[in-house]
Amino acid sequence: MEKNTYLLSYDVGTTGLKTCLFSSQNQLKLVASSLAKYPLYLCEGGGAEQDPQDWYNAMATTTKQVLLQSNIESSLIRGISFCSQMQALVLVDSQGNALRNAFSYLDQRATNELKEGMAHGLTIAGANIVKLLISLAITKAVATSVKDPVWKYQWVKKHESEIYARIHKWLDVKEYLIAQLTGAFVMTEDSAFATLLFNVRKRIWSPLMCKMLKVDPSHLPPIIRSTDEAGKLSQKAADFLGLQAGTPVFGGGGDAAIIGLGSGSAKAGDSHIYIGTSGWLSTVVERSMVDPKTKTAAIVSALPGFFTYFCELETAGKCLEWVKDHLALDEINLYLDKKLVTDSPEAIATNLYEYMASVIDSIPPGSNRVLFTPWLHGNRCPFEDCNVRGMFFNVSLETGKTEMIRAVTEGVCLHMRWFLEVQERTIKTSPTIRFVGGGALSPVTCQILSDTLGRNIQTIEQPQNVGALGAAIIAAMGLGLYKSAQEATQAIVVGALYTPRVEAKAVYDRNYSVYKQLYRCNKKLFAALNCRE
């Protein structure tokens, strides 16, 4: 390993962008980091959008801050890579300019487009049986979610025809940023898979899928691997970011593909749980597989030859943000004042988890029989329902705010147990599960997760930077600094190990049996309140 090798990685999330500078001597060590926030715009009819320029501006702000913190010359940075939110839709012209705001993966406006394009005729699991079989044969997945980007593309075609006529390329989040940095229009294999237009066996765009789902193939960019060099940093981008022109920019990957690598999951059977804005359980597998009934699929990994079997909860840590904003804002502000916390978003986020831990640790496991469903923006797995919402269940006169806060954390963990149950029907998950993301900052949450799952839980050093760490590994592999992903993950510094407590697990077993019934018992009521038709 060379001395003084530095890697710059960008973790582009739903609520903000974090830039991290890593040194790759012996261990991958964080040298400096900076976080910038930006808005998510909620629109009428279930829309959720972001301004792509906000991402790029955040890159510039945080890059300059990281260079200032570290006092590292930009010429010493050997490579740049990305971890980003997935399944957005960014439509650009031939110069790489966004034609409109990007559709977030949370956008739910394309209900009619989904019905017209897939949910018609004789259906199985919400999909036309012929289209379902063709999709499974080619893409190993099926576009049955209103949040799938192909339906957002169709929504633009129907409702914004003047914008559709100007489309040069369909990009995802990091692909848009790669275009800004290098001028190249590309898409990594994992992002291509997420479009559900990707021939998994041949690793190319599928002409048949494009025809069946009415997508113009000319809108789709060339496909590259995560470790491929997408291009060199242009002089214009270098000036904007404060970096050295000519620095290699690697493809990177979406969060679902990259975070597993950053957690240390690099071989078949390795499982990890992530709780950030969204959350998931993911296990590395060697073949593609899909369960349409539970909306669980093995997505293309950033690791060549592997897939990751993936169950997602779209509002995991977002539920804790909701607690902060609506349930405990005064208490949290008082706590932050007492701690003399700076105004930096990362410091506030870290201390939010500390506050939550200090509050909920005084409440016994099970939150005195109060349950919470973490479905604040619909749910995707193991059931798809855009009408479902969060709720507190079994609140009594004795229930206090602290029980409700703990119930929110437990609700997210109970949903992760549901994911574990779904995956265990098909594959073997690992006996010790890596836990990463901002949620893993709290030892109390780590213990709740271990008790709820009945599994050992292990964290890594600075788990909130796991996406950026995975992106740094990709850059290091692209540069040839590591021979394999397994070698690279040996450089990850692990954290504490948590084991399940028998008494607590018994309480969560009881609560889990009730939790799983809450959707079935309330499905029609959610539809009556929230269905837009």
Protein backbone atom coordinates (compact mmCIF):
# COMPACT_ATOMS: atom_id res chain seq x y z
CA MET A 1 0.00 0.00 0.00
CA GLU A 2 1.38 3.38 -0.95
CA LYS A 3 1.89 6.04 1.67
CA ASN A 4 -0.11 9.25 1.66
CA THR A 5 -2.83 7.86 -0.60
CA TYR A 6 -6.07 9.79 -0.17
CA LEU A 7 -9.53 8.98 -1.49
CA LEU A 8 -12.47 11.38 -1.69
CA SER A 9 -15.97 9.98 -1.48
CA TYR A 10 -19.41 11.55 -1.67
CA ASP A 11 -22.41 10.08 0.15
CA VAL A 12 -25.46 11.66 -1.50
CA GLY A 13 -28.50 11.09 0.69
CA THR A 14 -32.11 12.17 0.69
CA THR A 15 -31.63 14.97 3.21
CA GLY A 16 -28.00 15.90 2.72
CA LEU A 17 -24.61 15.18 1.18
CA LYS A 18 -21.57 14.11 3.16
CA THR A 19 -18.05 14.40 1.80
CA CYS A 20 -15.38 12.22 3.39
CA LEU A 21 -11.63 12.15 2.88
CA PHE A 22 -9.97 8.81 3.70
CA SER A 23 -6.37 7.76 4.07
CA SER A 24 -5.76 4.24 2.75
CA GLN A 25 -2.62 3.37 4.70
CA ASN A 26 -3.06 -0.13 6.25
CA GLN A 27 -6.55 0.75 7.49
CA LEU A 28 -9.12 2.97 5.83
CA LYS A 29 -9.16 5.90 8.22
CA LEU A 30 -11.35 8.96 8.05
CA VAL A 31 -9.26 12.13 7.82
CA ALA A 32 -12.03 14.74 7.54
CA SER A 33 -15.72 14.99 6.74
CA SER A 34 -18.34 17.64 6.12
CA LEU A 35 -22.12 17.50 5.78
CA ALA A 36 -24.45 19.88 3.94
CA LYS A 37 -28.24 19.66 4.06
CA TYR A 38 -30.75 20.33 1.29
CA PRO A 39 -34.54 20.12 1.02
CA LEU A 40 -36.89 17.43 -0.20
CA TYR A 41 -39.92 19.03 -1.85
CA LEU A 42 -43.24 17.26 -1.27
CA CYS A 43 -45.71 17.91 -4.09
CA GLU A 44 -49.44 17.46 -4.54
CA GLY A 45 -50.55 13.93 -5.35
CA GLY A 46 -47.73 12.15 -3.53
CA GLY A 47 -44.83 13.82 -5.31
CA ALA A 48 -41.33 14.06 -3.85
CA GLU A 49 -38.64 16.02 -5.70
CA GLN A 50 -35.17 17.51 -5.28
CA ASP A 51 -33.21 20.14 -7.18
CA PRO A 52 -30.09 18.44 -8.65
CA GLN A 53 -28.18 21.71 -8.39
CA ASP A 54 -28.58 21.44 -4.61
CA TRP A 55 -26.55 18.20 -4.70
CA TYR A 56 -23.79 19.77 -6.76
CA ASN A 57 -23.66 22.91 -4.63
CA ALA A 58 -23.44 20.71 -1.52
CA MET A 59 -20.50 18.89 -3.12
CA ALA A 60 -18.65 22.16 -3.60
CA THR A 61 -19.34 23.44 -0.09
CA THR A 62 -18.32 20.22 1.67
CA THR A 63 -15.30 19.51 -0.54
CA LYS A 64 -13.77 22.88 0.26
CA GLN A 65 -14.54 22.38 3.94
CA VAL A 66 -12.87 18.95 3.98
CA LEU A 67 -9.74 20.29 2.30
CA LEU A 68 -9.63 23.12 4.82
CA GLN A 69 -10.06 20.77 7.80
CA SER A 70 -7.46 18.28 6.64
CA ASN A 71 -4.88 20.71 5.25
CA ILE A 72 -4.33 18.14 2.48
CA GLU A 73 -3.29 19.31 -0.98
CA SER A 74 -5.91 18.35 -3.57
CA SER A 75 -3.12 16.94 -5.76
CA LEU A 76 -2.68 14.10 -3.22
CA ILE A 77 -6.23 12.82 -3.80
CA ARG A 78 -5.88 9.75 -6.02
CA GLY A 79 -9.53 9.00 -6.74
CA ILE A 80 -13.15 10.11 -6.36
CA SER A 81 -16.20 7.88 -5.93
CA PHE A 82 -19.85 7.94 -4.89
CA CYS A 83 -22.49 6.34 -2.73
CA SER A 84 -25.93 7.74 -3.45
CA GLN A 85 -29.65 7.36 -3.01
CA MET A 86 -31.15 5.19 -5.74
CA GLN A 87 -34.18 4.97 -8.03
CA ALA A 88 -34.43 8.69 -8.58
CA LEU A 89 -35.16 9.98 -12.07
CA VAL A 90 -32.91 12.78 -13.33
CA LEU A 91 -33.65 13.86 -16.90
CA VAL A 92 -30.94 15.90 -18.62
CA ASP A 93 -30.26 17.60 -21.94
CA SER A 94 -27.17 17.02 -24.08
CA GLN A 95 -25.13 19.41 -21.91
CA GLY A 96 -26.00 17.54 -18.72
CA ASN A 97 -28.41 20.21 -17.49
CA ALA A 98 -31.39 18.93 -15.52
CA LEU A 99 -34.63 19.54 -17.42
CA ARG A 100 -36.72 19.61 -14.25
CA ASN A 101 -36.40 18.75 -10.58
CA ALA A 102 -35.37 15.15 -9.96
CA PHE A 103 -38.02 12.66 -8.93
CA SER A 104 -37.03 11.21 -5.55
CA TYR A 105 -37.37 7.48 -4.94
CA LEU A 106 -40.17 8.50 -2.55
CA ASP A 107 -42.34 9.94 -5.36
CA GLN A 108 -45.72 8.19 -5.65
CA ARG A 109 -47.51 10.15 -8.38
CA ALA A 110 -47.33 7.52 -11.11
CA THR A 111 -50.18 5.34 -9.84
CA ASN A 112 -52.10 5.44 -13.12
CA GLU A 113 -48.95 4.85 -15.16
CA LEU A 114 -48.25 1.72 -13.12
CA LYS A 115 -51.78 0.43 -13.64
CA GLU A 116 -51.73 1.13 -17.37
CA GLY A 117 -48.25 -0.27 -17.87
CA MET A 118 -48.20 -3.31 -15.61
CA ALA A 119 -51.26 -3.88 -13.41
CA HIS A 120 -53.78 -4.85 -16.10
CA GLY A 121 -55.31 -8.01 -17.49
CA LEU A 122 -54.63 -11.28 -15.66
CA THR A 123 -52.29 -10.37 -12.81
CA ILE A 124 -50.11 -12.05 -10.21
CA ALA A 125 -48.71 -9.98 -7.32
CA GLY A 126 -50.01 -6.83 -9.02
CA ALA A 127 -48.39 -7.49 -12.40
CA ASN A 128 -49.71 -8.65 -15.74
CA ILE A 129 -48.73 -12.30 -15.87
CA VAL A 130 -47.06 -12.13 -19.30
CA LYS A 131 -45.08 -9.00 -18.42
CA LEU A 132 -44.19 -10.47 -15.04
CA LEU A 133 -42.72 -13.62 -16.59
CA ILE A 134 -40.79 -11.65 -19.21
CA SER A 135 -39.46 -9.27 -16.56
CA LEU A 136 -38.36 -12.08 -14.27
CA ALA A 137 -36.61 -13.87 -17.11
CA ILE A 138 -34.65 -10.79 -18.21
CA THR A 139 -34.26 -8.40 -15.27
CA LYS A 140 -34.82 -10.84 -12.35
CA ALA A 141 -37.23 -8.27 -10.89
CA VAL A 142 -40.60 -6.71 -11.70
CA ALA A 143 -41.66 -3.05 -11.88
CA THR A 144 -44.68 -3.37 -9.59
CA SER A 145 -44.03 -0.37 -7.33
CA VAL A 146 -45.41 3.09 -8.01
CA LYS A 147 -41.98 4.32 -6.90
CA ASP A 148 -40.08 2.49 -9.66
CA PRO A 149 -38.40 5.07 -11.92
CA VAL A 150 -39.85 3.68 -15.15
CA TRP A 151 -43.32 4.85 -14.08
CA LYS A 152 -41.98 8.30 -13.20
CA TYR A 153 -40.53 8.39 -16.72
CA GLN A 154 -43.97 7.53 -18.10
CA TRP A 155 -45.54 10.19 -15.90
CA VAL A 156 -43.30 12.82 -17.51
CA LYS A 157 -44.18 11.50 -20.97
CA LYS A 158 -47.89 11.92 -20.21
CA HIS A 159 -47.95 15.10 -18.11
CA GLU A 160 -44.87 17.04 -19.26
CA SER A 161 -44.55 16.24 -22.94
CA GLU A 162 -42.48 19.35 -23.69
CA ILE A 163 -39.86 18.20 -21.18
CA TYR A 164 -40.00 14.63 -22.45
CA ALA A 165 -39.25 15.86 -25.98
CA ARG A 166 -35.98 17.43 -24.75
CA ILE A 167 -34.62 14.38 -22.90
CA HIS A 168 -31.09 13.41 -23.87
CA LYS A 169 -30.39 10.92 -21.06
CA TRP A 170 -32.13 9.30 -18.11
CA LEU A 171 -29.74 9.37 -15.14
CA ASP A 172 -29.80 8.54 -11.45
CA VAL A 173 -28.39 10.74 -8.70
CA LYS A 174 -24.70 9.86 -8.81
CA GLU A 175 -24.80 9.58 -12.59
CA TYR A 176 -25.96 13.18 -12.78
CA LEU A 177 -23.05 14.22 -10.58
CA ILE A 178 -20.58 12.14 -12.60
CA ALA A 179 -21.80 14.01 -15.68
CA GLN A 180 -21.13 17.31 -13.93
CA LEU A 181 -17.61 16.20 -12.95
CA THR A 182 -16.50 14.53 -16.17
CA GLY A 183 -18.97 15.34 -18.95
CA ALA A 184 -19.59 11.59 -19.36
CA PHE A 185 -23.08 10.08 -19.45
CA VAL A 186 -22.84 6.63 -17.85
CA MET A 187 -24.76 4.41 -15.45
CA THR A 188 -23.34 1.77 -13.13
CA GLU A 189 -24.71 -1.77 -13.25
CA ASP A 190 -26.54 -1.48 -9.94
CA SER A 191 -28.30 1.71 -11.05
CA ALA A 192 -29.12 0.12 -14.41
CA PHE A 193 -30.63 -2.84 -12.58
CA ALA A 194 -32.81 -0.46 -10.54
CA THR A 195 -34.41 0.85 -13.75
CA LEU A 196 -35.76 -2.69 -14.34
CA LEU A 197 -34.67 -2.43 -17.97
CA PHE A 198 -31.35 -4.25 -17.46
CA ASN A 199 -30.57 -7.71 -18.83
CA VAL A 200 -28.87 -9.22 -15.79
CA ARG A 201 -27.29 -12.15 -17.65
CA LYS A 202 -25.90 -10.15 -20.58
CA ARG A 203 -25.18 -6.98 -18.54
CA ILE A 204 -26.77 -4.76 -21.20
CA TRP A 205 -29.96 -2.77 -21.69
CA SER A 206 -32.80 -5.03 -22.79
CA PRO A 207 -34.44 -3.94 -26.07
CA LEU A 208 -37.43 -6.14 -25.23
CA MET A 209 -37.95 -4.52 -21.81
CA CYS A 210 -37.65 -1.06 -23.35
CA LYS A 211 -40.27 -1.96 -25.93
CA MET A 212 -42.59 -3.60 -23.40
CA LEU A 213 -42.41 -0.66 -20.97
CA LYS A 214 -42.36 1.98 -23.74
CA VAL A 215 -38.95 3.47 -22.99
CA ASP A 216 -36.87 5.15 -25.69
CA PRO A 217 -33.54 3.21 -25.68
CA SER A 218 -31.63 6.31 -26.82
CA HIS A 219 -32.40 7.87 -23.43
CA LEU A 220 -30.33 5.20 -21.64
CA PRO A 221 -26.58 5.84 -21.14
CA PRO A 222 -23.71 3.33 -21.49
CA ILE A 223 -23.35 0.90 -18.58
CA ILE A 224 -20.15 0.60 -16.52
CA ARG A 225 -19.06 -1.37 -13.44
CA SER A 226 -18.83 0.34 -10.06
CA THR A 227 -15.03 0.06 -10.04
CA ASP A 228 -14.65 1.39 -13.60
CA GLU A 229 -13.25 4.84 -14.18
CA ALA A 230 -16.11 6.97 -15.52
CA GLY A 231 -13.77 9.75 -16.59
CA LYS A 232 -11.35 12.41 -15.40
CA LEU A 233 -12.31 15.48 -13.42
CA SER A 234 -12.75 18.36 -15.86
CA GLN A 235 -11.10 21.73 -15.34
CA LYS A 236 -14.50 23.39 -14.95
CA ALA A 237 -15.57 20.94 -12.23
CA ALA A 238 -12.15 21.09 -10.57
CA ASP A 239 -12.40 24.87 -10.30
CA PHE A 240 -15.92 24.62 -8.87
CA LEU A 241 -14.96 22.02 -6.26
CA GLY A 242 -11.44 23.19 -5.46
CA LEU A 243 -9.84 19.94 -6.67
CA GLN A 244 -7.17 18.92 -9.17
CA ALA A 245 -8.24 18.51 -12.80
CA GLY A 246 -7.56 15.04 -14.16
CA THR A 247 -8.36 13.20 -10.91
CA PRO A 248 -9.95 9.81 -11.76
CA VAL A 249 -13.70 9.58 -11.05
CA PHE A 250 -15.02 6.06 -10.46
CA GLY A 251 -18.57 4.83 -10.98
CA GLY A 252 -19.33 4.07 -7.34
CA GLY A 253 -22.78 2.77 -6.58
CA GLY A 254 -26.17 3.31 -5.08
CA ASP A 255 -26.56 3.14 -1.33
CA ALA A 256 -28.07 -0.35 -1.43
CA ALA A 257 -24.99 -1.66 -3.23
CA ILE A 258 -22.24 0.38 -1.57
CA ILE A 259 -23.26 0.43 2.10
CA GLY A 260 -22.98 -3.35 2.34
CA LEU A 261 -19.39 -3.11 1.17
CA GLY A 262 -18.69 -0.38 3.72
CA SER A 263 -20.18 -2.56 6.47
CA GLY A 264 -17.72 -5.33 5.64
CA SER A 265 -20.19 -7.59 3.82
CA ALA A 266 -18.04 -8.94 1.00
CA LYS A 267 -18.80 -12.65 0.70
CA ALA A 268 -21.89 -14.82 0.26
CA GLY A 269 -23.96 -15.07 3.44
CA ASP A 270 -22.77 -11.79 4.97
CA SER A 271 -25.74 -9.76 6.28
CA HIS A 272 -26.00 -6.16 7.37
CA ILE A 273 -28.72 -3.82 8.61
CA TYR A 274 -28.67 -0.14 7.77
CA ILE A 275 -30.71 2.55 9.51
CA GLY A 276 -30.30 6.02 8.06
CA THR A 277 -33.12 8.03 6.52
CA SER A 278 -34.32 4.74 5.08
CA GLY A 279 -33.40 1.30 6.37
CA TRP A 280 -32.91 -2.26 5.18
CA LEU A 281 -31.68 -5.77 5.73
CA SER A 282 -29.34 -7.02 3.03
CA THR A 283 -27.51 -10.33 2.54
CA VAL A 284 -24.84 -11.09 -0.07
CA VAL A 285 -25.86 -13.95 -2.40
CA GLU A 286 -24.33 -15.54 -5.49
CA ARG A 287 -27.40 -15.70 -7.70
CA SER A 288 -30.33 -13.52 -8.64
CA MET A 289 -33.67 -14.24 -6.98
CA VAL A 290 -36.96 -12.48 -6.44
CA ASP A 291 -40.05 -12.91 -4.28
CA PRO A 292 -42.80 -10.80 -5.91
CA LYS A 293 -45.19 -11.46 -3.04
CA THR A 294 -42.98 -9.76 -0.42
CA LYS A 295 -41.30 -7.31 -2.85
CA THR A 296 -37.91 -8.81 -2.01
CA ALA A 297 -35.25 -9.15 -4.69
CA ALA A 298 -31.55 -9.79 -5.11
CA ILE A 299 -30.23 -6.61 -6.64
CA VAL A 300 -26.99 -6.29 -8.56
CA SER A 301 -24.09 -5.70 -6.18
CA ALA A 302 -21.15 -3.37 -6.56
CA LEU A 303 -19.06 -6.56 -6.25
CA PRO A 304 -18.61 -8.37 -9.57
CA GLY A 305 -20.42 -11.71 -9.61
CA PHE A 306 -22.51 -11.08 -6.50
CA PHE A 307 -26.02 -9.89 -5.68
CA THR A 308 -27.49 -8.52 -2.49
CA TYR A 309 -30.84 -9.88 -1.28
CA PHE A 310 -32.59 -6.76 -0.18
CA CYS A 311 -35.59 -5.74 1.98
CA GLU A 312 -36.19 -2.00 2.39
CA LEU A 313 -38.08 0.25 4.81
CA GLU A 314 -38.23 3.71 3.28
CA THR A 315 -38.83 5.61 6.52
CA ALA A 316 -36.55 4.17 9.20
CA GLY A 317 -34.35 6.93 10.61
CA LYS A 318 -36.90 9.32 9.11
CA CYS A 319 -39.19 8.23 11.95
CA LEU A 320 -36.60 9.46 14.46
CA GLU A 321 -36.44 12.77 12.60
CA TRP A 322 -40.22 12.94 12.94
CA VAL A 323 -39.83 12.40 16.69
CA LYS A 324 -37.31 15.23 16.81
CA ASP A 325 -39.50 17.63 14.86
CA HIS A 326 -42.93 16.82 16.29
CA LEU A 327 -42.70 14.86 19.53
CA ALA A 328 -39.65 16.08 21.43
CA LEU A 329 -38.42 19.28 19.78
CA ASP A 330 -38.31 21.37 22.96
CA GLU A 331 -36.55 18.67 24.98
CA ILE A 332 -33.99 18.04 22.24
CA ASN A 333 -33.21 21.74 21.82
CA LEU A 334 -32.70 22.03 25.59
CA TYR A 335 -30.42 18.98 25.53
CA LEU A 336 -28.36 20.40 22.67
CA ASP A 337 -28.02 23.74 24.49
CA LYS A 338 -26.78 22.00 27.64
CA LYS A 339 -24.27 19.98 25.61
CA LEU A 340 -23.02 23.16 23.89
CA VAL A 341 -23.44 21.46 20.54
CA THR A 342 -22.23 23.37 17.50
CA ASP A 343 -24.52 24.25 14.64
CA SER A 344 -22.96 21.65 12.33
CA PRO A 345 -25.62 19.23 11.02
CA GLU A 346 -23.43 16.20 11.82
CA ALA A 347 -22.90 17.26 15.44
CA ILE A 348 -26.62 17.82 15.89
CA ALA A 349 -27.43 14.45 14.30
CA THR A 350 -24.94 12.62 16.53
CA ASN A 351 -26.27 14.27 19.66
CA LEU A 352 -29.83 13.53 18.60
CA TYR A 353 -29.05 9.82 18.85
CA GLU A 354 -27.32 10.41 22.20
CA TYR A 355 -30.41 12.19 23.46
CA MET A 356 -32.72 9.45 22.24
CA ALA A 357 -30.55 6.86 23.97
CA SER A 358 -30.52 8.77 27.25
CA VAL A 359 -34.31 9.06 27.21
CA ILE A 360 -35.43 5.62 26.07
CA ASP A 361 -32.93 3.65 28.16
CA SER A 362 -35.06 4.40 31.23
CA ILE A 363 -38.08 2.65 29.65
CA PRO A 364 -38.27 -1.17 29.82
CA PRO A 365 -38.17 -3.32 26.67
CA GLY A 366 -41.53 -3.30 24.92
CA SER A 367 -42.32 0.35 25.79
CA ASN A 368 -44.95 -0.82 28.27
CA ARG A 369 -46.85 -2.56 25.44
CA VAL A 370 -47.02 0.48 23.14
CA LEU A 371 -46.32 -0.31 19.47
CA PHE A 372 -45.43 1.97 16.58
CA THR A 373 -45.62 1.24 12.84
CA PRO A 374 -42.84 3.04 10.91
CA TRP A 375 -44.80 3.50 7.68
CA LEU A 376 -44.82 7.29 7.51
CA HIS A 377 -44.71 7.42 3.70
CA GLY A 378 -46.31 4.13 2.72
CA ASN A 379 -44.49 0.80 2.76
CA ARG A 380 -42.72 -1.36 0.21
CA CYS A 381 -41.63 -4.62 1.85
CA PRO A 382 -42.84 -7.18 2.84
CA PHE A 383 -46.05 -5.62 1.54
CA GLU A 384 -46.50 -2.80 -0.98
CA ASP A 385 -49.09 -0.20 0.01
CA CYS A 386 -48.77 3.53 -0.62
CA ASN A 387 -51.86 4.18 1.54
CA VAL A 388 -50.51 2.76 4.79
CA ARG A 389 -49.28 5.18 7.46
CA GLY A 390 -47.58 5.16 10.84
CA MET A 391 -49.53 4.75 14.04
CA PHE A 392 -49.11 4.32 17.79
CA PHE A 393 -51.05 1.31 19.06
CA ASN A 394 -52.16 0.55 22.62
CA VAL A 395 -51.62 4.01 24.10
CA SER A 396 -53.16 4.39 27.58
CA LEU A 397 -53.54 7.10 30.22
CA GLU A 398 -50.25 5.89 31.71
CA THR A 399 -48.36 6.24 28.42
CA GLY A 400 -45.79 9.02 28.43
CA LYS A 401 -43.72 10.67 25.76
CA THR A 402 -40.70 8.54 26.60
CA GLU A 403 -42.60 5.31 25.95
CA MET A 404 -43.71 6.68 22.61
CA ILE A 405 -40.15 7.65 21.66
CA ARG A 406 -38.84 4.19 22.56
CA ALA A 407 -41.76 2.61 20.69
CA VAL A 408 -40.64 4.40 17.52
CA THR A 409 -37.16 2.86 17.77
CA GLU A 410 -38.65 -0.54 18.57
CA GLY A 411 -41.08 -0.28 15.66
CA VAL A 412 -38.20 0.12 13.22
CA CYS A 413 -36.42 -2.85 14.81
CA LEU A 414 -39.57 -4.99 14.69
CA HIS A 415 -39.85 -4.25 10.98
CA MET A 416 -36.24 -5.40 10.55
CA ARG A 417 -37.23 -8.66 12.26
CA TRP A 418 -39.99 -9.06 9.68
CA PHE A 419 -37.33 -8.66 6.99
CA LEU A 420 -35.20 -11.31 8.68
CA GLU A 421 -38.14 -13.71 8.71
CA VAL A 422 -38.76 -13.08 5.00
CA GLN A 423 -35.13 -13.68 4.05
CA GLU A 424 -34.79 -16.81 6.16
CA ARG A 425 -37.52 -18.47 4.08
CA THR A 426 -35.17 -18.39 1.08
CA ILE A 427 -31.56 -18.02 2.25
CA LYS A 428 -29.39 -18.24 5.35
CA THR A 429 -28.54 -14.93 6.95
CA SER A 430 -25.41 -14.50 9.05
CA PRO A 431 -25.50 -15.29 12.80
CA THR A 432 -23.76 -11.99 13.52
CA ILE A 433 -25.24 -9.07 11.61
CA ARG A 434 -23.33 -5.85 10.97
CA PHE A 435 -25.33 -2.76 11.96
CA VAL A 436 -24.46 0.53 10.26
CA GLY A 437 -25.87 3.98 9.56
CA GLY A 438 -26.75 6.77 11.97
CA GLY A 439 -29.00 4.42 13.94
CA ALA A 440 -25.95 2.40 14.96
CA LEU A 441 -24.52 5.41 16.83
CA SER A 442 -26.81 4.60 19.77
CA PRO A 443 -25.76 1.64 21.97
CA VAL A 444 -29.35 1.45 23.20
CA THR A 445 -30.66 1.03 19.65
CA CYS A 446 -27.99 -1.61 18.99
CA GLN A 447 -29.13 -3.59 22.03
CA ILE A 448 -32.82 -3.22 21.11
CA LEU A 449 -32.02 -4.54 17.64
CA SER A 450 -30.11 -7.52 19.06
CA ASP A 451 -32.92 -8.33 21.50
CA THR A 452 -35.60 -7.97 18.82
CA LEU A 453 -33.85 -10.13 16.23
CA GLY A 454 -32.34 -12.65 18.63
CA ARG A 455 -29.01 -12.19 16.82
CA ASN A 456 -25.56 -10.87 17.62
CA ILE A 457 -25.16 -7.32 16.34
CA GLN A 458 -21.78 -5.77 15.54
CA THR A 459 -21.06 -2.18 14.58
CA ILE A 460 -18.10 -0.56 12.84
CA GLU A 461 -16.11 2.54 13.71
CA GLN A 462 -18.06 5.65 12.68
CA PRO A 463 -21.05 3.72 11.29
CA GLN A 464 -22.68 6.94 10.08
CA ASN A 465 -19.97 7.18 7.40
CA VAL A 466 -20.51 3.68 6.03
CA GLY A 467 -21.67 4.81 2.58
CA ALA A 468 -18.67 7.05 2.09
CA LEU A 469 -16.41 4.25 3.36
CA GLY A 470 -17.87 1.83 0.81
CA ALA A 471 -17.34 4.39 -1.94
CA ALA A 472 -13.72 4.82 -0.84
CA ILE A 473 -13.25 1.05 -1.09
CA ILE A 474 -14.60 1.18 -4.66
CA ALA A 475 -12.12 3.92 -5.56
CA ALA A 476 -9.29 1.97 -3.94
CA MET A 477 -10.22 -1.16 -5.90
CA GLY A 478 -10.49 0.86 -9.11
CA LEU A 479 -7.00 2.20 -8.51
CA GLY A 480 -5.67 -1.30 -7.83
CA LEU A 481 -4.82 -0.59 -4.19
CA TYR A 482 -6.63 -3.79 -3.14
CA LYS A 483 -6.74 -7.08 -5.04
CA SER A 484 -10.26 -7.98 -3.89
CA ALA A 485 -13.22 -6.73 -1.91
CA GLN A 486 -12.43 -9.28 0.80
CA GLU A 487 -8.95 -7.79 1.18
CA ALA A 488 -10.37 -4.27 1.22
CA THR A 489 -12.93 -5.01 3.94
CA GLN A 490 -10.16 -6.28 6.20
CA ALA A 491 -9.12 -2.64 6.47
CA ILE A 492 -12.46 -1.72 8.13
CA VAL A 493 -12.24 -1.03 11.87
CA VAL A 494 -15.00 -2.92 13.72
CA GLY A 495 -16.84 -1.68 16.80
CA ALA A 496 -18.83 -3.15 19.69
CA LEU A 497 -20.62 -6.52 19.73
CA TYR A 498 -24.12 -6.84 21.22
CA THR A 499 -25.78 -10.13 22.21
CA PRO A 500 -29.52 -10.73 22.77
CA ARG A 501 -30.91 -10.77 26.31
CA VAL A 502 -33.33 -13.63 27.01
CA GLU A 503 -35.88 -11.64 29.04
CA ALA A 504 -36.01 -8.77 26.56
CA LYS A 505 -36.34 -11.11 23.58
CA ALA A 506 -39.42 -12.71 25.18
CA VAL A 507 -41.09 -9.29 25.36
CA TYR A 508 -40.25 -8.52 21.74
CA ASP A 509 -41.50 -11.95 20.64
CA ARG A 510 -44.91 -11.03 22.08
CA ASN A 511 -44.90 -7.55 20.54
CA TYR A 512 -43.77 -8.89 17.17
CA SER A 513 -46.71 -11.28 16.95
CA VAL A 514 -49.05 -8.29 17.35
CA TYR A 515 -47.01 -5.98 15.11
CA LYS A 516 -47.32 -8.25 12.08
CA GLN A 517 -51.12 -8.19 12.36
CA LEU A 518 -51.49 -4.41 12.46
CA TYR A 519 -51.32 -3.98 8.69
CA ARG A 520 -53.74 -6.78 7.87
CA CYS A 521 -56.24 -5.57 10.44
CA ASN A 522 -56.10 -1.93 9.28
CA LYS A 523 -55.47 -2.22 5.54
CA LYS A 524 -58.99 -1.22 4.50
CA LEU A 525 -59.06 1.64 6.98
CA PHE A 526 -55.80 3.07 5.61
CA ALA A 527 -57.24 2.87 2.10
CA ALA A 528 -60.45 4.62 3.18
CA LEU A 529 -58.46 7.54 4.57
CA ASN A 530 -55.59 7.83 2.10
CA CYS A 531 -56.61 6.40 -1.27
CA ARG A 532 -56.58 9.22 -3.84
CA GLU A 533 -59.13 7.68 -6.18
